[in-house]
Amino acid sequence: MPYTDLLRVTVLLTGAEATALAAITAVATNRDSDATTLIVTGTWWLIALLVGLYLGRPARAADALRDALAGARTATSLPPETPARISFTRLWPIALTAIAAGALGIFFPGVAAVGAGYALLVSLAWHTREAAVLAIEQRDGVKFYVVPNSALRPIQLVRTPGLRSSGRI
């Protein structure tokens, strides 16, 4: 699975998690008519938005990816696993936290509110990483692929030859 695709799916999945948990928060808070939870939730989401945008700056994205890309070993063949299996293996914790926070959020709206803010923060912090990887791939004429391993371990990548950009049109 191309690393850029995994980054794209991660951003979309955390964005969907934030949206779903925000909806659960809104419904549960409306049911309880709790103004305090709404004020705290709005403040937390605003803080998460600002922190996510700060952490998602392009310069920070390049720094965050440096170790993973530098540690990529060169290979002439792709990992044998399917992209769906690699995605599931790497991203199941996101789905698990969304389900857990959503289930608890029905009874305790604050749990869903915190989960939504955290998912928003992560989605915004990671939204520039795909572009950073694509820029390096185009510059160096390589393609990075994800090596199948556990989500509880650091990501491992392989570098394969790709199409080099000459820089001229």
N, C-alpha and C. Protein backbone atom coordinates (compact mmCIF):
# COMPACT_ATOMS: atom_id res chain seq x y z
N MET A 1 0.85 -1.18 0.00
CA MET A 1 0.00 0.00 0.00
C MET A 1 0.89 1.23 0.00
N PRO A 2 0.66 2.16 -0.92
CA PRO A 2 1.44 3.40 -0.90
C PRO A 2 1.24 4.17 0.41
N TYR A 3 2.32 4.71 0.91
CA TYR A 3 2.28 5.44 2.17
C TYR A 3 1.35 6.65 2.08
N THR A 4 1.33 7.30 0.93
CA THR A 4 0.44 8.45 0.77
C THR A 4 -1.02 8.06 0.91
N ASP A 5 -1.38 6.88 0.42
CA ASP A 5 -2.76 6.41 0.56
C ASP A 5 -3.11 6.15 2.02
N LEU A 6 -2.17 5.56 2.77
CA LEU A 6 -2.42 5.32 4.19
C LEU A 6 -2.60 6.64 4.94
N LEU A 7 -1.79 7.63 4.61
CA LEU A 7 -1.94 8.94 5.26
C LEU A 7 -3.29 9.57 4.92
N ARG A 8 -3.71 9.46 3.66
CA ARG A 8 -5.00 10.01 3.24
C ARG A 8 -6.16 9.32 3.97
N VAL A 9 -6.10 7.99 4.06
CA VAL A 9 -7.15 7.24 4.74
C VAL A 9 -7.18 7.59 6.24
N THR A 10 -6.02 7.78 6.82
CA THR A 10 -5.95 8.14 8.24
C THR A 10 -6.63 9.48 8.50
N VAL A 11 -6.35 10.46 7.66
CA VAL A 11 -6.97 11.79 7.82
C VAL A 11 -8.48 11.70 7.63
N LEU A 12 -8.91 10.98 6.61
CA LEU A 12 -10.35 10.85 6.37
C LEU A 12 -11.04 10.09 7.50
N LEU A 13 -10.41 9.04 8.00
CA LEU A 13 -11.01 8.26 9.08
C LEU A 13 -11.11 9.06 10.38
N THR A 14 -10.06 9.81 10.72
CA THR A 14 -10.14 10.62 11.94
C THR A 14 -11.12 11.77 11.77
N GLY A 15 -11.23 12.31 10.56
CA GLY A 15 -12.24 13.34 10.31
C GLY A 15 -13.65 12.80 10.45
N ALA A 16 -13.86 11.59 9.94
CA ALA A 16 -15.18 10.94 10.08
C ALA A 16 -15.47 10.63 11.54
N GLU A 17 -14.44 10.20 12.28
CA GLU A 17 -14.62 9.93 13.71
C GLU A 17 -15.01 11.21 14.44
N ALA A 18 -14.34 12.32 14.12
CA ALA A 18 -14.66 13.60 14.77
C ALA A 18 -16.10 14.00 14.47
N THR A 19 -16.52 13.82 13.25
CA THR A 19 -17.89 14.18 12.86
C THR A 19 -18.92 13.33 13.58
N ALA A 20 -18.70 12.02 13.61
CA ALA A 20 -19.66 11.12 14.26
C ALA A 20 -19.73 11.39 15.76
N LEU A 21 -18.58 11.57 16.38
CA LEU A 21 -18.59 11.83 17.83
C LEU A 21 -19.19 13.20 18.15
N ALA A 22 -18.98 14.17 17.27
CA ALA A 22 -19.61 15.48 17.48
C ALA A 22 -21.12 15.37 17.39
N ALA A 23 -21.62 14.56 16.46
CA ALA A 23 -23.07 14.36 16.34
C ALA A 23 -23.62 13.67 17.59
N ILE A 24 -22.92 12.66 18.07
CA ILE A 24 -23.36 11.98 19.30
C ILE A 24 -23.35 12.95 20.47
N THR A 25 -22.33 13.78 20.55
CA THR A 25 -22.25 14.78 21.62
C THR A 25 -23.44 15.74 21.55
N ALA A 26 -23.74 16.22 20.36
CA ALA A 26 -24.84 17.17 20.19
C ALA A 26 -26.17 16.56 20.59
N VAL A 27 -26.42 15.33 20.15
CA VAL A 27 -27.68 14.66 20.47
C VAL A 27 -27.79 14.39 21.96
N ALA A 28 -26.73 13.85 22.56
CA ALA A 28 -26.77 13.51 23.98
C ALA A 28 -26.84 14.75 24.86
N THR A 29 -26.16 15.82 24.47
CA THR A 29 -26.20 17.05 25.25
C THR A 29 -27.57 17.71 25.14
N ASN A 30 -28.15 17.68 23.96
CA ASN A 30 -29.49 18.23 23.77
C ASN A 30 -30.51 17.46 24.59
N ARG A 31 -30.36 16.14 24.64
CA ARG A 31 -31.27 15.30 25.42
C ARG A 31 -31.20 15.66 26.90
N ASP A 32 -29.98 15.92 27.38
CA ASP A 32 -29.79 16.23 28.80
C ASP A 32 -29.97 17.72 29.11
N SER A 33 -30.09 18.57 28.10
CA SER A 33 -30.20 20.02 28.27
C SER A 33 -29.11 20.56 29.19
N ASP A 34 -27.86 20.21 28.87
CA ASP A 34 -26.70 20.56 29.71
C ASP A 34 -25.89 21.66 29.04
N ALA A 35 -26.08 22.88 29.49
CA ALA A 35 -25.38 24.03 28.91
C ALA A 35 -23.90 24.02 29.27
N THR A 36 -23.55 23.55 30.45
CA THR A 36 -22.15 23.51 30.87
C THR A 36 -21.33 22.61 29.94
N THR A 37 -21.87 21.46 29.61
CA THR A 37 -21.17 20.55 28.69
C THR A 37 -20.98 21.20 27.33
N LEU A 38 -21.97 21.94 26.86
CA LEU A 38 -21.85 22.63 25.57
C LEU A 38 -20.74 23.68 25.59
N ILE A 39 -20.64 24.43 26.66
CA ILE A 39 -19.61 25.46 26.76
C ILE A 39 -18.22 24.84 26.82
N VAL A 40 -18.06 23.82 27.65
CA VAL A 40 -16.77 23.13 27.77
C VAL A 40 -16.42 22.46 26.44
N THR A 41 -17.40 21.85 25.80
CA THR A 41 -17.18 21.18 24.52
C THR A 41 -16.75 22.17 23.45
N GLY A 42 -17.45 23.28 23.35
CA GLY A 42 -17.08 24.30 22.36
C GLY A 42 -15.68 24.84 22.58
N THR A 43 -15.31 25.05 23.83
CA THR A 43 -13.97 25.52 24.16
C THR A 43 -12.92 24.48 23.77
N TRP A 44 -13.17 23.21 24.13
CA TRP A 44 -12.22 22.14 23.81
C TRP A 44 -12.07 21.98 22.30
N TRP A 45 -13.17 22.04 21.56
CA TRP A 45 -13.08 21.88 20.11
C TRP A 45 -12.32 23.04 19.48
N LEU A 46 -12.49 24.24 19.99
CA LEU A 46 -11.75 25.39 19.48
C LEU A 46 -10.26 25.23 19.75
N ILE A 47 -9.92 24.79 20.96
CA ILE A 47 -8.51 24.54 21.29
C ILE A 47 -7.95 23.43 20.39
N ALA A 48 -8.69 22.34 20.20
CA ALA A 48 -8.24 21.24 19.35
C ALA A 48 -8.04 21.72 17.91
N LEU A 49 -8.93 22.57 17.43
CA LEU A 49 -8.82 23.12 16.09
C LEU A 49 -7.54 23.93 15.93
N LEU A 50 -7.27 24.81 16.88
CA LEU A 50 -6.08 25.67 16.81
C LEU A 50 -4.79 24.86 16.94
N VAL A 51 -4.76 23.92 17.88
CA VAL A 51 -3.57 23.08 18.05
C VAL A 51 -3.36 22.21 16.81
N GLY A 52 -4.42 21.64 16.26
CA GLY A 52 -4.32 20.81 15.07
C GLY A 52 -3.78 21.59 13.87
N LEU A 53 -4.26 22.81 13.69
CA LEU A 53 -3.75 23.64 12.60
C LEU A 53 -2.28 24.00 12.83
N TYR A 54 -1.92 24.26 14.06
CA TYR A 54 -0.51 24.57 14.38
C TYR A 54 0.38 23.37 14.10
N LEU A 55 -0.03 22.20 14.57
CA LEU A 55 0.77 20.99 14.38
C LEU A 55 0.76 20.52 12.92
N GLY A 56 -0.22 20.94 12.14
CA GLY A 56 -0.33 20.52 10.76
C GLY A 56 0.39 21.41 9.76
N ARG A 57 1.18 22.35 10.26
CA ARG A 57 1.93 23.21 9.34
C ARG A 57 2.87 22.36 8.48
N PRO A 58 3.10 22.74 7.23
CA PRO A 58 3.96 21.95 6.35
C PRO A 58 5.37 21.69 6.91
N ALA A 59 5.96 22.66 7.57
CA ALA A 59 7.31 22.46 8.12
C ALA A 59 7.29 21.37 9.19
N ARG A 60 6.26 21.34 10.01
CA ARG A 60 6.16 20.30 11.04
C ARG A 60 5.87 18.93 10.42
N ALA A 61 5.13 18.91 9.32
CA ALA A 61 4.84 17.64 8.66
C ALA A 61 6.12 17.00 8.16
N ALA A 62 6.99 17.80 7.55
CA ALA A 62 8.26 17.28 7.05
C ALA A 62 9.11 16.75 8.20
N ASP A 63 9.13 17.45 9.32
CA ASP A 63 9.90 16.99 10.49
C ASP A 63 9.34 15.68 11.04
N ALA A 64 8.03 15.56 11.09
CA ALA A 64 7.39 14.37 11.65
C ALA A 64 7.66 13.13 10.79
N LEU A 65 7.81 13.32 9.50
CA LEU A 65 7.99 12.20 8.59
C LEU A 65 9.45 11.83 8.35
N ARG A 66 10.36 12.68 8.78
CA ARG A 66 11.77 12.51 8.47
C ARG A 66 12.31 11.14 8.86
N ASP A 67 12.07 10.71 10.09
CA ASP A 67 12.63 9.43 10.56
C ASP A 67 12.05 8.24 9.80
N ALA A 68 10.75 8.24 9.58
CA ALA A 68 10.12 7.11 8.87
C ALA A 68 10.62 7.02 7.44
N LEU A 69 10.74 8.14 6.76
CA LEU A 69 11.19 8.12 5.37
C LEU A 69 12.68 7.81 5.28
N ALA A 70 13.47 8.33 6.20
CA ALA A 70 14.91 8.06 6.18
C ALA A 70 15.21 6.60 6.50
N GLY A 71 14.37 5.97 7.31
CA GLY A 71 14.58 4.58 7.68
C GLY A 71 14.03 3.58 6.68
N ALA A 72 13.44 4.07 5.59
CA ALA A 72 12.87 3.16 4.59
C ALA A 72 13.99 2.42 3.87
N ARG A 73 13.85 1.12 3.80
CA ARG A 73 14.86 0.33 3.08
C ARG A 73 14.46 0.26 1.61
N THR A 74 15.45 0.11 0.77
CA THR A 74 15.20 0.03 -0.66
C THR A 74 14.80 -1.39 -1.03
N ALA A 75 13.80 -1.51 -1.87
CA ALA A 75 13.32 -2.82 -2.33
C ALA A 75 12.94 -2.73 -3.80
N THR A 76 12.98 -3.86 -4.45
CA THR A 76 12.58 -3.90 -5.86
C THR A 76 11.20 -4.51 -6.04
N SER A 77 10.64 -5.05 -4.96
CA SER A 77 9.29 -5.62 -5.03
C SER A 77 8.44 -5.04 -3.91
N LEU A 78 7.14 -5.10 -4.10
CA LEU A 78 6.21 -4.54 -3.13
C LEU A 78 5.88 -5.56 -2.05
N PRO A 79 5.48 -5.09 -0.87
CA PRO A 79 5.02 -6.01 0.17
C PRO A 79 3.84 -6.85 -0.35
N PRO A 80 3.73 -8.11 0.05
CA PRO A 80 2.73 -9.01 -0.51
C PRO A 80 1.30 -8.77 -0.04
N GLU A 81 1.09 -8.03 1.01
CA GLU A 81 -0.24 -7.84 1.56
C GLU A 81 -1.09 -6.90 0.70
N THR A 82 -2.40 -7.06 0.80
CA THR A 82 -3.32 -6.17 0.07
C THR A 82 -3.45 -4.84 0.81
N PRO A 83 -3.76 -3.76 0.09
CA PRO A 83 -3.93 -2.46 0.74
C PRO A 83 -5.02 -2.46 1.82
N ALA A 84 -6.10 -3.19 1.59
CA ALA A 84 -7.18 -3.23 2.59
C ALA A 84 -6.69 -3.87 3.89
N ARG A 85 -5.93 -4.93 3.77
CA ARG A 85 -5.42 -5.61 4.96
C ARG A 85 -4.41 -4.73 5.72
N ILE A 86 -3.54 -4.06 4.97
CA ILE A 86 -2.58 -3.16 5.61
C ILE A 86 -3.30 -2.02 6.31
N SER A 87 -4.31 -1.44 5.63
CA SER A 87 -5.08 -0.35 6.24
C SER A 87 -5.75 -0.80 7.53
N PHE A 88 -6.39 -1.95 7.48
CA PHE A 88 -7.07 -2.45 8.68
C PHE A 88 -6.06 -2.73 9.80
N THR A 89 -4.94 -3.33 9.46
CA THR A 89 -3.93 -3.67 10.46
C THR A 89 -3.36 -2.41 11.11
N ARG A 90 -3.19 -1.35 10.34
CA ARG A 90 -2.60 -0.12 10.88
C ARG A 90 -3.63 0.79 11.56
N LEU A 91 -4.89 0.76 11.11
CA LEU A 91 -5.86 1.77 11.56
C LEU A 91 -6.94 1.26 12.50
N TRP A 92 -6.91 0.00 12.91
CA TRP A 92 -7.97 -0.50 13.79
C TRP A 92 -8.06 0.26 15.11
N PRO A 93 -6.95 0.80 15.68
CA PRO A 93 -7.13 1.56 16.93
C PRO A 93 -8.03 2.78 16.78
N ILE A 94 -8.00 3.41 15.61
CA ILE A 94 -8.87 4.58 15.39
C ILE A 94 -10.33 4.15 15.43
N ALA A 95 -10.64 3.06 14.75
CA ALA A 95 -12.01 2.56 14.75
C ALA A 95 -12.45 2.13 16.14
N LEU A 96 -11.56 1.49 16.86
CA LEU A 96 -11.88 1.03 18.22
C LEU A 96 -12.17 2.20 19.15
N THR A 97 -11.36 3.25 19.09
CA THR A 97 -11.61 4.41 19.96
C THR A 97 -12.90 5.13 19.56
N ALA A 98 -13.19 5.16 18.27
CA ALA A 98 -14.43 5.80 17.82
C ALA A 98 -15.65 5.05 18.34
N ILE A 99 -15.61 3.73 18.25
CA ILE A 99 -16.73 2.92 18.74
C ILE A 99 -16.87 3.04 20.25
N ALA A 100 -15.76 2.96 20.97
CA ALA A 100 -15.81 3.06 22.43
C ALA A 100 -16.31 4.44 22.88
N ALA A 101 -15.75 5.49 22.30
CA ALA A 101 -16.18 6.85 22.68
C ALA A 101 -17.62 7.10 22.28
N GLY A 102 -18.04 6.57 21.14
CA GLY A 102 -19.43 6.75 20.71
C GLY A 102 -20.40 6.04 21.63
N ALA A 103 -20.05 4.81 22.02
CA ALA A 103 -20.93 4.06 22.92
C ALA A 103 -21.02 4.72 24.29
N LEU A 104 -19.88 5.14 24.82
CA LEU A 104 -19.89 5.83 26.11
C LEU A 104 -20.53 7.21 26.01
N GLY A 105 -20.37 7.85 24.84
CA GLY A 105 -20.90 9.20 24.64
C GLY A 105 -22.41 9.27 24.67
N ILE A 106 -23.07 8.16 24.40
CA ILE A 106 -24.54 8.14 24.48
C ILE A 106 -24.99 8.42 25.90
N PHE A 107 -24.25 7.88 26.86
CA PHE A 107 -24.61 8.04 28.27
C PHE A 107 -23.84 9.18 28.94
N PHE A 108 -22.62 9.42 28.48
CA PHE A 108 -21.76 10.47 29.03
C PHE A 108 -21.27 11.34 27.88
N PRO A 109 -22.00 12.42 27.55
CA PRO A 109 -21.67 13.24 26.38
C PRO A 109 -20.25 13.80 26.40
N GLY A 110 -19.70 13.99 27.58
CA GLY A 110 -18.34 14.51 27.67
C GLY A 110 -17.30 13.59 27.05
N VAL A 111 -17.53 12.29 27.12
CA VAL A 111 -16.58 11.33 26.54
C VAL A 111 -16.55 11.49 25.01
N ALA A 112 -17.71 11.59 24.41
CA ALA A 112 -17.77 11.78 22.96
C ALA A 112 -17.20 13.14 22.57
N ALA A 113 -17.41 14.15 23.40
CA ALA A 113 -16.89 15.49 23.12
C ALA A 113 -15.36 15.49 23.13
N VAL A 114 -14.77 14.84 24.12
CA VAL A 114 -13.31 14.76 24.19
C VAL A 114 -12.77 13.97 23.00
N GLY A 115 -13.42 12.86 22.68
CA GLY A 115 -13.00 12.05 21.54
C GLY A 115 -13.09 12.81 20.22
N ALA A 116 -14.16 13.58 20.06
CA ALA A 116 -14.33 14.36 18.83
C ALA A 116 -13.24 15.42 18.72
N GLY A 117 -12.92 16.08 19.81
CA GLY A 117 -11.86 17.09 19.79
C GLY A 117 -10.51 16.49 19.47
N TYR A 118 -10.22 15.34 20.07
CA TYR A 118 -8.95 14.68 19.80
C TYR A 118 -8.87 14.22 18.35
N ALA A 119 -9.94 13.66 17.82
CA ALA A 119 -9.95 13.22 16.42
C ALA A 119 -9.80 14.42 15.47
N LEU A 120 -10.42 15.53 15.80
CA LEU A 120 -10.27 16.75 15.01
C LEU A 120 -8.82 17.22 15.03
N LEU A 121 -8.22 17.22 16.19
CA LEU A 121 -6.82 17.62 16.33
C LEU A 121 -5.91 16.74 15.47
N VAL A 122 -6.08 15.44 15.55
CA VAL A 122 -5.24 14.51 14.78
C VAL A 122 -5.47 14.69 13.28
N SER A 123 -6.70 14.81 12.87
CA SER A 123 -7.00 14.98 11.45
C SER A 123 -6.34 16.25 10.89
N LEU A 124 -6.43 17.33 11.62
CA LEU A 124 -5.82 18.58 11.17
C LEU A 124 -4.31 18.54 11.25
N ALA A 125 -3.77 17.86 12.25
CA ALA A 125 -2.32 17.77 12.39
C ALA A 125 -1.69 16.92 11.29
N TRP A 126 -2.43 15.97 10.76
CA TRP A 126 -1.89 15.07 9.75
C TRP A 126 -2.26 15.44 8.32
N HIS A 127 -3.07 16.45 8.12
CA HIS A 127 -3.59 16.73 6.78
C HIS A 127 -2.52 17.17 5.78
N THR A 128 -1.37 17.64 6.20
CA THR A 128 -0.33 18.07 5.27
C THR A 128 0.74 17.00 5.04
N ARG A 129 0.65 15.88 5.74
CA ARG A 129 1.70 14.86 5.61
C ARG A 129 1.71 14.19 4.24
N GLU A 130 0.55 13.98 3.67
CA GLU A 130 0.50 13.36 2.35
C GLU A 130 1.23 14.23 1.32
N ALA A 131 1.01 15.52 1.36
CA ALA A 131 1.67 16.42 0.41
C ALA A 131 3.18 16.42 0.62
N ALA A 132 3.62 16.33 1.86
CA ALA A 132 5.06 16.29 2.14
C ALA A 132 5.70 15.03 1.55
N VAL A 133 5.04 13.90 1.70
CA VAL A 133 5.56 12.65 1.15
C VAL A 133 5.55 12.70 -0.38
N LEU A 134 4.47 13.21 -0.95
CA LEU A 134 4.39 13.32 -2.42
C LEU A 134 5.51 14.21 -2.97
N ALA A 135 5.83 15.28 -2.28
CA ALA A 135 6.90 16.18 -2.73
C ALA A 135 8.24 15.46 -2.73
N ILE A 136 8.50 14.67 -1.70
CA ILE A 136 9.76 13.92 -1.63
C ILE A 136 9.80 12.84 -2.71
N GLU A 137 8.67 12.16 -2.91
CA GLU A 137 8.61 11.12 -3.95
C GLU A 137 8.88 11.71 -5.33
N GLN A 138 8.30 12.85 -5.63
CA GLN A 138 8.49 13.47 -6.93
C GLN A 138 9.90 13.99 -7.09
N ARG A 139 10.45 14.55 -6.03
CA ARG A 139 11.80 15.09 -6.09
C ARG A 139 12.84 14.00 -6.30
N ASP A 140 12.70 12.89 -5.54
CA ASP A 140 13.71 11.84 -5.56
C ASP A 140 13.42 10.72 -6.56
N GLY A 141 12.25 10.71 -7.15
CA GLY A 141 11.90 9.67 -8.10
C GLY A 141 11.72 8.31 -7.46
N VAL A 142 11.11 8.29 -6.28
CA VAL A 142 10.87 7.04 -5.56
C VAL A 142 9.41 6.98 -5.16
N LYS A 143 9.01 5.83 -4.64
CA LYS A 143 7.66 5.64 -4.11
C LYS A 143 7.82 4.89 -2.80
N PHE A 144 7.12 5.35 -1.75
CA PHE A 144 7.19 4.71 -0.44
C PHE A 144 5.96 3.83 -0.24
N TYR A 145 6.19 2.61 0.25
CA TYR A 145 5.12 1.67 0.53
C TYR A 145 5.20 1.22 1.98
N VAL A 146 4.05 0.90 2.55
CA VAL A 146 3.96 0.48 3.95
C VAL A 146 4.24 -1.01 4.05
N VAL A 147 5.10 -1.35 5.00
CA VAL A 147 5.39 -2.76 5.29
C VAL A 147 4.36 -3.22 6.32
N PRO A 148 3.71 -4.36 6.08
CA PRO A 148 2.70 -4.83 7.04
C PRO A 148 3.33 -5.14 8.40
N ASN A 149 2.83 -4.49 9.42
CA ASN A 149 3.20 -4.80 10.80
C ASN A 149 2.11 -4.28 11.72
N SER A 150 2.27 -4.50 12.99
CA SER A 150 1.25 -4.13 13.97
C SER A 150 1.09 -2.62 14.09
N ALA A 151 -0.10 -2.19 14.41
CA ALA A 151 -0.36 -0.78 14.65
C ALA A 151 0.31 -0.31 15.94
N LEU A 152 0.69 -1.24 16.77
CA LEU A 152 1.33 -0.90 18.04
C LEU A 152 2.84 -0.74 17.91
N ARG A 153 3.36 -0.91 16.71
CA ARG A 153 4.78 -0.75 16.43
C ARG A 153 4.97 0.42 15.48
N PRO A 154 6.15 1.03 15.48
CA PRO A 154 6.39 2.13 14.53
C PRO A 154 6.22 1.67 13.08
N ILE A 155 5.80 2.58 12.26
CA ILE A 155 5.59 2.24 10.85
C ILE A 155 6.93 1.97 10.18
N GLN A 156 6.91 0.99 9.28
CA GLN A 156 8.10 0.66 8.49
C GLN A 156 7.73 0.84 7.02
N LEU A 157 8.66 1.40 6.28
CA LEU A 157 8.42 1.68 4.87
C LEU A 157 9.49 1.04 4.01
N VAL A 158 9.15 0.79 2.76
CA VAL A 158 10.13 0.41 1.75
C VAL A 158 10.09 1.46 0.65
N ARG A 159 11.24 1.68 0.06
CA ARG A 159 11.38 2.65 -1.02
C ARG A 159 11.60 1.88 -2.31
N THR A 160 10.80 2.18 -3.31
CA THR A 160 10.96 1.53 -4.61
C THR A 160 11.23 2.59 -5.66
N PRO A 161 11.87 2.19 -6.74
CA PRO A 161 12.11 3.17 -7.82
C PRO A 161 10.78 3.65 -8.38
N GLY A 162 10.73 4.91 -8.70
CA GLY A 162 9.53 5.50 -9.28
C GLY A 162 9.91 6.34 -10.48
N LEU A 163 9.08 7.27 -10.83
CA LEU A 163 9.36 8.15 -11.96
C LEU A 163 9.96 9.43 -11.42
N ARG A 164 11.13 9.77 -11.91
CA ARG A 164 11.82 10.98 -11.46
C ARG A 164 11.30 12.18 -12.25
N SER A 165 11.11 13.27 -11.54
CA SER A 165 10.65 14.50 -12.19
C SER A 165 11.87 15.29 -12.64
N SER A 166 11.87 15.74 -13.88
CA SER A 166 13.01 16.51 -14.39
C SER A 166 12.93 17.96 -13.95
N GLY A 167 11.78 18.39 -13.51
CA GLY A 167 11.62 19.77 -13.07
C GLY A 167 11.27 20.73 -14.20
N ARG A 168 11.29 20.22 -15.46
CA ARG A 168 10.94 21.06 -16.61
C ARG A 168 9.63 20.58 -17.23
N ILE A 169 8.93 21.51 -17.79
CA ILE A 169 7.66 21.15 -18.45
C ILE A 169 7.83 21.25 -19.94
